[in-house]
Full PDB file with SEQRES, HELIX, SHEET, SSBOND, CRYST1, ORIGX, SCALE, CONECT and MASTER records, all heavy atoms in Angstrom:
SEQRES   1 A   33  ARG GLN HIS ALA SER ALA ILE VAL SER VAL ARG ASN GLY          
SEQRES   2 A   33  GLU VAL VAL ALA PRO ARG HIS LEU PHE GLN ARG GLU PHE          
SEQRES   3 A   33  PHE VAL GLU LEU GLY GLN LEU                                  
HELIX    1 AA1 ARG A   24  PHE A   26  5                                   3    
HELIX    2 AA2 PHE A   27  LEU A   30  1                                   4    
SHEET    1 AA1 2 ILE A   7  VAL A   8  0                                        
SHEET    2 AA1 2 LEU A  21  PHE A  22 -1                                        
SHEET    1 AA2 2 ARG A  11  ASN A  12  0                                        
SHEET    2 AA2 2 VAL A  15  VAL A  16 -1                                        
CRYST1    1.000    1.000    1.000  90.00  90.00  90.00 P 1           1          
ORIGX1      1.000000  0.000000  0.000000        0.00000                         
ORIGX2      0.000000  1.000000  0.000000        0.00000                         
ORIGX3      0.000000  0.000000  1.000000        0.00000                         
SCALE1      1.000000  0.000000  0.000000        0.00000                         
SCALE2      0.000000  1.000000  0.000000        0.00000                         
SCALE3      0.000000  0.000000  1.000000        0.00000                         
ATOM      1  N   ARG A   1      40.905 -49.012  17.834  1.00  0.00           N  
ATOM      2  CA  ARG A   1      41.412 -48.936  19.258  1.00  0.00           C  
ATOM      3  C   ARG A   1      40.341 -48.519  20.236  1.00  0.00           C  
ATOM      4  O   ARG A   1      40.383 -49.037  21.323  1.00  0.00           O  
ATOM      5  CB  ARG A   1      42.560 -47.948  19.327  1.00  0.00           C  
ATOM      6  CG  ARG A   1      43.817 -48.464  18.623  1.00  0.00           C  
ATOM      7  CD  ARG A   1      44.972 -47.461  18.647  1.00  0.00           C  
ATOM      8  NE  ARG A   1      46.182 -48.069  18.164  1.00  0.00           N  
ATOM      9  CZ  ARG A   1      47.221 -47.352  17.808  1.00  0.00           C  
ATOM     10  NH1 ARG A   1      47.208 -46.028  17.869  1.00  0.00           N  
ATOM     11  NH2 ARG A   1      48.359 -47.938  17.399  1.00  0.00           N  
ATOM     12  N   GLN A   2      39.462 -47.558  19.876  1.00  0.00           N  
ATOM     13  CA  GLN A   2      38.513 -47.105  20.844  1.00  0.00           C  
ATOM     14  C   GLN A   2      37.310 -48.039  21.056  1.00  0.00           C  
ATOM     15  O   GLN A   2      36.732 -48.064  22.083  1.00  0.00           O  
ATOM     16  CB  GLN A   2      37.983 -45.706  20.308  1.00  0.00           C  
ATOM     17  CG  GLN A   2      38.970 -44.669  20.410  1.00  0.00           C  
ATOM     18  CD  GLN A   2      38.667 -43.426  19.709  1.00  0.00           C  
ATOM     19  OE1 GLN A   2      37.537 -43.219  19.253  1.00  0.00           O  
ATOM     20  NE2 GLN A   2      39.548 -42.417  19.608  1.00  0.00           N  
ATOM     21  N   HIS A   3      36.908 -48.744  19.986  1.00  0.00           N  
ATOM     22  CA  HIS A   3      35.646 -49.484  20.047  1.00  0.00           C  
ATOM     23  C   HIS A   3      35.912 -51.012  20.016  1.00  0.00           C  
ATOM     24  O   HIS A   3      35.007 -51.747  20.139  1.00  0.00           O  
ATOM     25  CB  HIS A   3      34.805 -49.148  18.934  1.00  0.00           C  
ATOM     26  CG  HIS A   3      34.391 -47.714  18.913  1.00  0.00           C  
ATOM     27  ND1 HIS A   3      33.326 -47.238  19.691  1.00  0.00           N  
ATOM     28  CD2 HIS A   3      34.811 -46.604  18.230  1.00  0.00           C  
ATOM     29  CE1 HIS A   3      33.263 -45.905  19.550  1.00  0.00           C  
ATOM     30  NE2 HIS A   3      34.105 -45.524  18.605  1.00  0.00           N  
ATOM     31  N   ALA A   4      37.225 -51.402  19.848  1.00  0.00           N  
ATOM     32  CA  ALA A   4      37.547 -52.862  19.758  1.00  0.00           C  
ATOM     33  C   ALA A   4      36.535 -53.664  18.832  1.00  0.00           C  
ATOM     34  O   ALA A   4      36.276 -54.746  19.154  1.00  0.00           O  
ATOM     35  CB  ALA A   4      37.497 -53.469  21.211  1.00  0.00           C  
ATOM     36  N   SER A   5      36.223 -52.993  17.757  1.00  0.00           N  
ATOM     37  CA  SER A   5      35.359 -53.624  16.795  1.00  0.00           C  
ATOM     38  C   SER A   5      36.182 -54.735  16.057  1.00  0.00           C  
ATOM     39  O   SER A   5      37.341 -54.580  15.841  1.00  0.00           O  
ATOM     40  CB  SER A   5      34.901 -52.567  15.749  1.00  0.00           C  
ATOM     41  OG  SER A   5      34.003 -53.241  14.823  1.00  0.00           O  
ATOM     42  N   ALA A   6      35.589 -55.888  15.750  1.00  0.00           N  
ATOM     43  CA  ALA A   6      36.228 -56.931  15.111  1.00  0.00           C  
ATOM     44  C   ALA A   6      36.679 -56.579  13.729  1.00  0.00           C  
ATOM     45  O   ALA A   6      37.763 -56.902  13.255  1.00  0.00           O  
ATOM     46  CB  ALA A   6      35.381 -58.207  14.980  1.00  0.00           C  
ATOM     47  N   ILE A   7      35.869 -55.678  12.985  1.00  0.00           N  
ATOM     48  CA  ILE A   7      36.225 -55.245  11.709  1.00  0.00           C  
ATOM     49  C   ILE A   7      35.828 -53.772  11.652  1.00  0.00           C  
ATOM     50  O   ILE A   7      34.767 -53.409  12.121  1.00  0.00           O  
ATOM     51  CB  ILE A   7      35.408 -56.027  10.578  1.00  0.00           C  
ATOM     52  CG1 ILE A   7      35.805 -57.441  10.620  1.00  0.00           C  
ATOM     53  CG2 ILE A   7      35.760 -55.408   9.207  1.00  0.00           C  
ATOM     54  CD1 ILE A   7      34.783 -58.312   9.678  1.00  0.00           C  
ATOM     55  N   VAL A   8      36.698 -52.998  11.069  1.00  0.00           N  
ATOM     56  CA  VAL A   8      36.411 -51.545  10.768  1.00  0.00           C  
ATOM     57  C   VAL A   8      36.469 -51.456   9.247  1.00  0.00           C  
ATOM     58  O   VAL A   8      37.502 -51.759   8.624  1.00  0.00           O  
ATOM     59  CB  VAL A   8      37.395 -50.607  11.455  1.00  0.00           C  
ATOM     60  CG1 VAL A   8      37.021 -49.120  11.070  1.00  0.00           C  
ATOM     61  CG2 VAL A   8      37.434 -50.731  13.032  1.00  0.00           C  
ATOM     62  N   SER A   9      35.379 -51.062   8.687  1.00  0.00           N  
ATOM     63  CA  SER A   9      35.228 -50.900   7.249  1.00  0.00           C  
ATOM     64  C   SER A   9      35.017 -49.484   6.809  1.00  0.00           C  
ATOM     65  O   SER A   9      34.646 -48.702   7.690  1.00  0.00           O  
ATOM     66  CB  SER A   9      34.096 -51.829   6.732  1.00  0.00           C  
ATOM     67  OG  SER A   9      33.976 -51.763   5.397  1.00  0.00           O  
ATOM     68  N   VAL A  10      35.195 -49.201   5.578  1.00  0.00           N  
ATOM     69  CA  VAL A  10      35.149 -47.815   5.073  1.00  0.00           C  
ATOM     70  C   VAL A  10      34.087 -47.809   3.954  1.00  0.00           C  
ATOM     71  O   VAL A  10      34.129 -48.624   3.070  1.00  0.00           O  
ATOM     72  CB  VAL A  10      36.453 -47.232   4.695  1.00  0.00           C  
ATOM     73  CG1 VAL A  10      36.303 -45.988   3.911  1.00  0.00           C  
ATOM     74  CG2 VAL A  10      37.386 -47.071   5.879  1.00  0.00           C  
ATOM     75  N   ARG A  11      33.319 -46.731   3.944  1.00  0.00           N  
ATOM     76  CA  ARG A  11      32.337 -46.481   2.854  1.00  0.00           C  
ATOM     77  C   ARG A  11      32.616 -45.068   2.411  1.00  0.00           C  
ATOM     78  O   ARG A  11      32.707 -44.110   3.183  1.00  0.00           O  
ATOM     79  CB  ARG A  11      30.941 -46.576   3.326  1.00  0.00           C  
ATOM     80  CG  ARG A  11      29.899 -46.403   2.382  1.00  0.00           C  
ATOM     81  CD  ARG A  11      28.453 -46.626   2.972  1.00  0.00           C  
ATOM     82  NE  ARG A  11      28.311 -47.985   3.231  1.00  0.00           N  
ATOM     83  CZ  ARG A  11      27.652 -48.829   2.453  1.00  0.00           C  
ATOM     84  NH1 ARG A  11      27.137 -48.412   1.320  1.00  0.00           N  
ATOM     85  NH2 ARG A  11      27.533 -50.112   2.794  1.00  0.00           N  
ATOM     86  N   ASN A  12      32.840 -44.847   1.118  1.00  0.00           N  
ATOM     87  CA  ASN A  12      32.958 -43.503   0.499  1.00  0.00           C  
ATOM     88  C   ASN A  12      31.704 -43.285  -0.272  1.00  0.00           C  
ATOM     89  O   ASN A  12      31.524 -43.901  -1.292  1.00  0.00           O  
ATOM     90  CB  ASN A  12      34.247 -43.538  -0.431  1.00  0.00           C  
ATOM     91  CG  ASN A  12      35.526 -43.740   0.326  1.00  0.00           C  
ATOM     92  OD1 ASN A  12      35.961 -44.785   0.567  1.00  0.00           O  
ATOM     93  ND2 ASN A  12      36.097 -42.577   0.648  1.00  0.00           N  
ATOM     94  N   GLY A  13      30.897 -42.436   0.263  1.00  0.00           N  
ATOM     95  CA  GLY A  13      29.557 -42.282  -0.303  1.00  0.00           C  
ATOM     96  C   GLY A  13      28.824 -43.558  -0.131  1.00  0.00           C  
ATOM     97  O   GLY A  13      28.685 -44.063   0.961  1.00  0.00           O  
ATOM     98  N   GLU A  14      28.448 -44.162  -1.305  1.00  0.00           N  
ATOM     99  CA  GLU A  14      27.746 -45.442  -1.340  1.00  0.00           C  
ATOM    100  C   GLU A  14      28.602 -46.623  -1.590  1.00  0.00           C  
ATOM    101  O   GLU A  14      28.185 -47.742  -1.646  1.00  0.00           O  
ATOM    102  CB  GLU A  14      26.588 -45.418  -2.260  1.00  0.00           C  
ATOM    103  CG  GLU A  14      25.467 -44.416  -1.962  1.00  0.00           C  
ATOM    104  CD  GLU A  14      24.873 -44.686  -0.590  1.00  0.00           C  
ATOM    105  OE1 GLU A  14      24.595 -45.857  -0.291  1.00  0.00           O  
ATOM    106  OE2 GLU A  14      24.780 -43.711   0.226  1.00  0.00           O  
ATOM    107  N   VAL A  15      29.954 -46.376  -1.756  1.00  0.00           N  
ATOM    108  CA  VAL A  15      30.819 -47.429  -2.163  1.00  0.00           C  
ATOM    109  C   VAL A  15      31.688 -47.939  -0.900  1.00  0.00           C  
ATOM    110  O   VAL A  15      32.376 -47.138  -0.349  1.00  0.00           O  
ATOM    111  CB  VAL A  15      31.795 -46.897  -3.240  1.00  0.00           C  
ATOM    112  CG1 VAL A  15      32.756 -48.017  -3.737  1.00  0.00           C  
ATOM    113  CG2 VAL A  15      31.035 -46.428  -4.472  1.00  0.00           C  
ATOM    114  N   VAL A  16      31.627 -49.180  -0.786  1.00  0.00           N  
ATOM    115  CA  VAL A  16      32.551 -49.797   0.230  1.00  0.00           C  
ATOM    116  C   VAL A  16      33.869 -50.031  -0.385  1.00  0.00           C  
ATOM    117  O   VAL A  16      33.917 -50.627  -1.494  1.00  0.00           O  
ATOM    118  CB  VAL A  16      31.942 -51.194   0.766  1.00  0.00           C  
ATOM    119  CG1 VAL A  16      33.007 -51.843   1.646  1.00  0.00           C  
ATOM    120  CG2 VAL A  16      30.618 -50.941   1.445  1.00  0.00           C  
ATOM    121  N   ALA A  17      34.918 -49.459   0.206  1.00  0.00           N  
ATOM    122  CA  ALA A  17      36.241 -49.572  -0.516  1.00  0.00           C  
ATOM    123  C   ALA A  17      37.294 -49.846   0.512  1.00  0.00           C  
ATOM    124  O   ALA A  17      37.180 -49.500   1.710  1.00  0.00           O  
ATOM    125  CB  ALA A  17      36.486 -48.285  -1.191  1.00  0.00           C  
ATOM    126  N   PRO A  18      38.439 -50.496   0.050  1.00  0.00           N  
ATOM    127  CA  PRO A  18      39.508 -50.757   1.070  1.00  0.00           C  
ATOM    128  C   PRO A  18      40.050 -49.515   1.813  1.00  0.00           C  
ATOM    129  O   PRO A  18      39.941 -48.421   1.415  1.00  0.00           O  
ATOM    130  CB  PRO A  18      40.618 -51.283   0.207  1.00  0.00           C  
ATOM    131  CG  PRO A  18      39.853 -51.861  -1.025  1.00  0.00           C  
ATOM    132  CD  PRO A  18      38.705 -50.945  -1.262  1.00  0.00           C  
ATOM    133  N   ARG A  19      40.410 -49.905   2.857  1.00  0.00           N  
ATOM    134  CA  ARG A  19      40.800 -49.416   4.116  1.00  0.00           C  
ATOM    135  C   ARG A  19      40.059 -50.149   5.101  1.00  0.00           C  
ATOM    136  O   ARG A  19      39.130 -49.588   5.774  1.00  0.00           O  
ATOM    137  CB  ARG A  19      40.651 -47.917   4.287  1.00  0.00           C  
ATOM    138  CG  ARG A  19      41.716 -47.046   3.819  1.00  0.00           C  
ATOM    139  CD  ARG A  19      41.400 -45.665   3.720  1.00  0.00           C  
ATOM    140  NE  ARG A  19      40.541 -45.507   2.468  1.00  0.00           N  
ATOM    141  CZ  ARG A  19      39.343 -44.778   2.521  1.00  0.00           C  
ATOM    142  NH1 ARG A  19      39.073 -44.059   3.504  1.00  0.00           N  
ATOM    143  NH2 ARG A  19      38.653 -44.744   1.387  1.00  0.00           N  
ATOM    144  N   HIS A  20      40.153 -51.460   5.147  1.00  0.00           N  
ATOM    145  CA  HIS A  20      39.434 -52.269   6.058  1.00  0.00           C  
ATOM    146  C   HIS A  20      40.405 -52.883   7.064  1.00  0.00           C  
ATOM    147  O   HIS A  20      41.477 -53.327   6.639  1.00  0.00           O  
ATOM    148  CB  HIS A  20      38.713 -53.415   5.315  1.00  0.00           C  
ATOM    149  CG  HIS A  20      37.905 -53.071   4.173  1.00  0.00           C  
ATOM    150  ND1 HIS A  20      36.871 -52.152   4.321  1.00  0.00           N  
ATOM    151  CD2 HIS A  20      37.942 -53.429   2.865  1.00  0.00           C  
ATOM    152  CE1 HIS A  20      36.314 -52.011   3.140  1.00  0.00           C  
ATOM    153  NE2 HIS A  20      36.975 -52.723   2.214  1.00  0.00           N  
ATOM    154  N   LEU A  21      39.984 -52.801   8.366  1.00  0.00           N  
ATOM    155  CA  LEU A  21      40.877 -53.321   9.423  1.00  0.00           C  
ATOM    156  C   LEU A  21      40.206 -54.600   9.990  1.00  0.00           C  
ATOM    157  O   LEU A  21      38.992 -54.503  10.327  1.00  0.00           O  
ATOM    158  CB  LEU A  21      41.165 -52.303  10.461  1.00  0.00           C  
ATOM    159  CG  LEU A  21      42.195 -52.586  11.454  1.00  0.00           C  
ATOM    160  CD1 LEU A  21      42.844 -51.327  11.939  1.00  0.00           C  
ATOM    161  CD2 LEU A  21      41.591 -53.349  12.677  1.00  0.00           C  
ATOM    162  N   PHE A  22      41.006 -55.658  10.044  1.00  0.00           N  
ATOM    163  CA  PHE A  22      40.414 -56.911  10.543  1.00  0.00           C  
ATOM    164  C   PHE A  22      41.234 -57.503  11.739  1.00  0.00           C  
ATOM    165  O   PHE A  22      42.442 -57.361  11.714  1.00  0.00           O  
ATOM    166  CB  PHE A  22      40.461 -57.976   9.422  1.00  0.00           C  
ATOM    167  CG  PHE A  22      39.672 -57.688   8.207  1.00  0.00           C  
ATOM    168  CD1 PHE A  22      40.207 -57.013   7.214  1.00  0.00           C  
ATOM    169  CD2 PHE A  22      38.342 -58.138   8.147  1.00  0.00           C  
ATOM    170  CE1 PHE A  22      39.470 -56.722   5.976  1.00  0.00           C  
ATOM    171  CE2 PHE A  22      37.616 -57.964   6.920  1.00  0.00           C  
ATOM    172  CZ  PHE A  22      38.201 -57.227   5.918  1.00  0.00           C  
ATOM    173  N   GLN A  23      40.459 -58.009  12.733  1.00  0.00           N  
ATOM    174  CA  GLN A  23      41.205 -58.669  13.770  1.00  0.00           C  
ATOM    175  C   GLN A  23      41.733 -59.923  13.249  1.00  0.00           C  
ATOM    176  O   GLN A  23      41.352 -60.501  12.265  1.00  0.00           O  
ATOM    177  CB  GLN A  23      40.220 -58.940  14.993  1.00  0.00           C  
ATOM    178  CG  GLN A  23      39.935 -57.725  15.758  1.00  0.00           C  
ATOM    179  CD  GLN A  23      39.095 -58.075  16.980  1.00  0.00           C  
ATOM    180  OE1 GLN A  23      38.327 -59.100  16.999  1.00  0.00           O  
ATOM    181  NE2 GLN A  23      39.018 -57.221  17.962  1.00  0.00           N  
ATOM    182  N   ARG A  24      42.804 -60.417  13.936  1.00  0.00           N  
ATOM    183  CA  ARG A  24      43.467 -61.705  13.555  1.00  0.00           C  
ATOM    184  C   ARG A  24      42.508 -62.847  13.212  1.00  0.00           C  
ATOM    185  O   ARG A  24      42.841 -63.615  12.343  1.00  0.00           O  
ATOM    186  CB  ARG A  24      44.438 -62.101  14.743  1.00  0.00           C  
ATOM    187  CG  ARG A  24      45.030 -63.444  14.539  1.00  0.00           C  
ATOM    188  CD  ARG A  24      45.980 -63.848  15.633  1.00  0.00           C  
ATOM    189  NE  ARG A  24      47.277 -63.219  15.357  1.00  0.00           N  
ATOM    190  CZ  ARG A  24      48.114 -63.622  14.351  1.00  0.00           C  
ATOM    191  NH1 ARG A  24      47.719 -64.543  13.538  1.00  0.00           N  
ATOM    192  NH2 ARG A  24      49.256 -63.086  14.149  1.00  0.00           N  
ATOM    193  N   GLU A  25      41.441 -63.016  13.915  1.00  0.00           N  
ATOM    194  CA  GLU A  25      40.530 -64.136  13.704  1.00  0.00           C  
ATOM    195  C   GLU A  25      40.091 -64.234  12.251  1.00  0.00           C  
ATOM    196  O   GLU A  25      39.659 -65.305  11.843  1.00  0.00           O  
ATOM    197  CB  GLU A  25      39.338 -64.095  14.686  1.00  0.00           C  
ATOM    198  CG  GLU A  25      38.399 -62.958  14.372  1.00  0.00           C  
ATOM    199  CD  GLU A  25      37.222 -62.903  15.316  1.00  0.00           C  
ATOM    200  OE1 GLU A  25      36.190 -63.683  15.097  1.00  0.00           O  
ATOM    201  OE2 GLU A  25      37.367 -62.191  16.333  1.00  0.00           O  
ATOM    202  N   PHE A  26      40.147 -63.169  11.550  1.00  0.00           N  
ATOM    203  CA  PHE A  26      39.720 -63.166  10.094  1.00  0.00           C  
ATOM    204  C   PHE A  26      40.810 -63.457   9.108  1.00  0.00           C  
ATOM    205  O   PHE A  26      40.581 -63.508   7.934  1.00  0.00           O  
ATOM    206  CB  PHE A  26      39.000 -61.817   9.784  1.00  0.00           C  
ATOM    207  CG  PHE A  26      37.846 -61.609  10.656  1.00  0.00           C  
ATOM    208  CD1 PHE A  26      37.963 -60.750  11.716  1.00  0.00           C  
ATOM    209  CD2 PHE A  26      36.632 -62.235  10.421  1.00  0.00           C  
ATOM    210  CE1 PHE A  26      36.882 -60.440  12.544  1.00  0.00           C  
ATOM    211  CE2 PHE A  26      35.505 -61.986  11.280  1.00  0.00           C  
ATOM    212  CZ  PHE A  26      35.603 -61.122  12.323  1.00  0.00           C  
ATOM    213  N   PHE A  27      42.071 -63.541   9.578  1.00  0.00           N  
ATOM    214  CA  PHE A  27      43.262 -63.747   8.676  1.00  0.00           C  
ATOM    215  C   PHE A  27      43.119 -64.954   7.763  1.00  0.00           C  
ATOM    216  O   PHE A  27      43.361 -64.948   6.636  1.00  0.00           O  
ATOM    217  CB  PHE A  27      44.519 -63.689   9.401  1.00  0.00           C  
ATOM    218  CG  PHE A  27      44.899 -62.411   9.977  1.00  0.00           C  
ATOM    219  CD1 PHE A  27      44.197 -61.219   9.882  1.00  0.00           C  
ATOM    220  CD2 PHE A  27      46.124 -62.329  10.711  1.00  0.00           C  
ATOM    221  CE1 PHE A  27      44.526 -60.034  10.506  1.00  0.00           C  
ATOM    222  CE2 PHE A  27      46.519 -61.097  11.351  1.00  0.00           C  
ATOM    223  CZ  PHE A  27      45.798 -59.999  11.134  1.00  0.00           C  
ATOM    224  N   VAL A  28      42.586 -66.073   8.365  1.00  0.00           N  
ATOM    225  CA  VAL A  28      42.508 -67.331   7.561  1.00  0.00           C  
ATOM    226  C   VAL A  28      41.476 -67.107   6.458  1.00  0.00           C  
ATOM    227  O   VAL A  28      41.734 -67.437   5.281  1.00  0.00           O  
ATOM    228  CB  VAL A  28      42.005 -68.437   8.419  1.00  0.00           C  
ATOM    229  CG1 VAL A  28      41.647 -69.689   7.594  1.00  0.00           C  
ATOM    230  CG2 VAL A  28      43.117 -68.852   9.424  1.00  0.00           C  
ATOM    231  N   GLU A  29      40.374 -66.398   6.729  1.00  0.00           N  
ATOM    232  CA  GLU A  29      39.365 -66.166   5.698  1.00  0.00           C  
ATOM    233  C   GLU A  29      39.896 -65.206   4.614  1.00  0.00           C  
ATOM    234  O   GLU A  29      39.725 -65.412   3.420  1.00  0.00           O  
ATOM    235  CB  GLU A  29      38.047 -65.458   6.254  1.00  0.00           C  
ATOM    236  CG  GLU A  29      37.029 -66.406   6.811  1.00  0.00           C  
ATOM    237  CD  GLU A  29      35.829 -65.604   7.307  1.00  0.00           C  
ATOM    238  OE1 GLU A  29      34.960 -65.279   6.446  1.00  0.00           O  
ATOM    239  OE2 GLU A  29      35.758 -65.363   8.511  1.00  0.00           O  
ATOM    240  N   LEU A  30      40.617 -64.165   5.050  1.00  0.00           N  
ATOM    241  CA  LEU A  30      41.250 -63.331   4.073  1.00  0.00           C  
ATOM    242  C   LEU A  30      42.239 -63.956   3.236  1.00  0.00           C  
ATOM    243  O   LEU A  30      42.388 -63.668   2.050  1.00  0.00           O  
ATOM    244  CB  LEU A  30      41.877 -62.118   4.881  1.00  0.00           C  
ATOM    245  CG  LEU A  30      40.962 -61.186   5.669  1.00  0.00           C  
ATOM    246  CD1 LEU A  30      41.719 -60.278   6.603  1.00  0.00           C  
ATOM    247  CD2 LEU A  30      40.037 -60.364   4.672  1.00  0.00           C  
ATOM    248  N   GLY A  31      42.939 -64.946   3.737  1.00  0.00           N  
ATOM    249  CA  GLY A  31      43.963 -65.673   2.983  1.00  0.00           C  
ATOM    250  C   GLY A  31      43.361 -66.629   1.994  1.00  0.00           C  
ATOM    251  O   GLY A  31      44.086 -67.208   1.231  1.00  0.00           O  
ATOM    252  N   GLN A  32      42.088 -66.806   1.980  1.00  0.00           N  
ATOM    253  CA  GLN A  32      41.342 -67.723   1.058  1.00  0.00           C  
ATOM    254  C   GLN A  32      40.591 -67.028  -0.011  1.00  0.00           C  
ATOM    255  O   GLN A  32      39.943 -67.577  -0.793  1.00  0.00           O  
ATOM    256  CB  GLN A  32      40.383 -68.557   1.833  1.00  0.00           C  
ATOM    257  CG  GLN A  32      41.092 -69.471   2.752  1.00  0.00           C  
ATOM    258  CD  GLN A  32      40.227 -70.329   3.663  1.00  0.00           C  
ATOM    259  OE1 GLN A  32      39.025 -70.054   3.743  1.00  0.00           O  
ATOM    260  NE2 GLN A  32      40.765 -71.236   4.443  1.00  0.00           N  
ATOM    261  N   LEU A  33      40.755 -65.658  -0.034  1.00  0.00           N  
ATOM    262  CA  LEU A  33      39.956 -64.799  -1.033  1.00  0.00           C  
ATOM    263  C   LEU A  33      40.514 -64.990  -2.457  1.00  0.00           C  
ATOM    264  O   LEU A  33      41.703 -65.204  -2.639  1.00  0.00           O  
ATOM    265  CB  LEU A  33      40.058 -63.352  -0.591  1.00  0.00           C  
ATOM    266  CG  LEU A  33      39.300 -62.956   0.651  1.00  0.00           C  
ATOM    267  CD1 LEU A  33      39.589 -61.525   1.136  1.00  0.00           C  
ATOM    268  CD2 LEU A  33      37.779 -63.152   0.500  1.00  0.00           C  
TER     269      LEU A  33                                                      
MASTER        0    0    0    2    4    0    0    6  268    1    0    3          
END                                                                             
């Protein structure tokens, strides 16, 4: 909400792990995973 970033991702230490927020424009890509 504050930065209007297209994607907000999370890193726990050195590990990228879910709690990822994506704008609508990425839904098609996500639906093909």
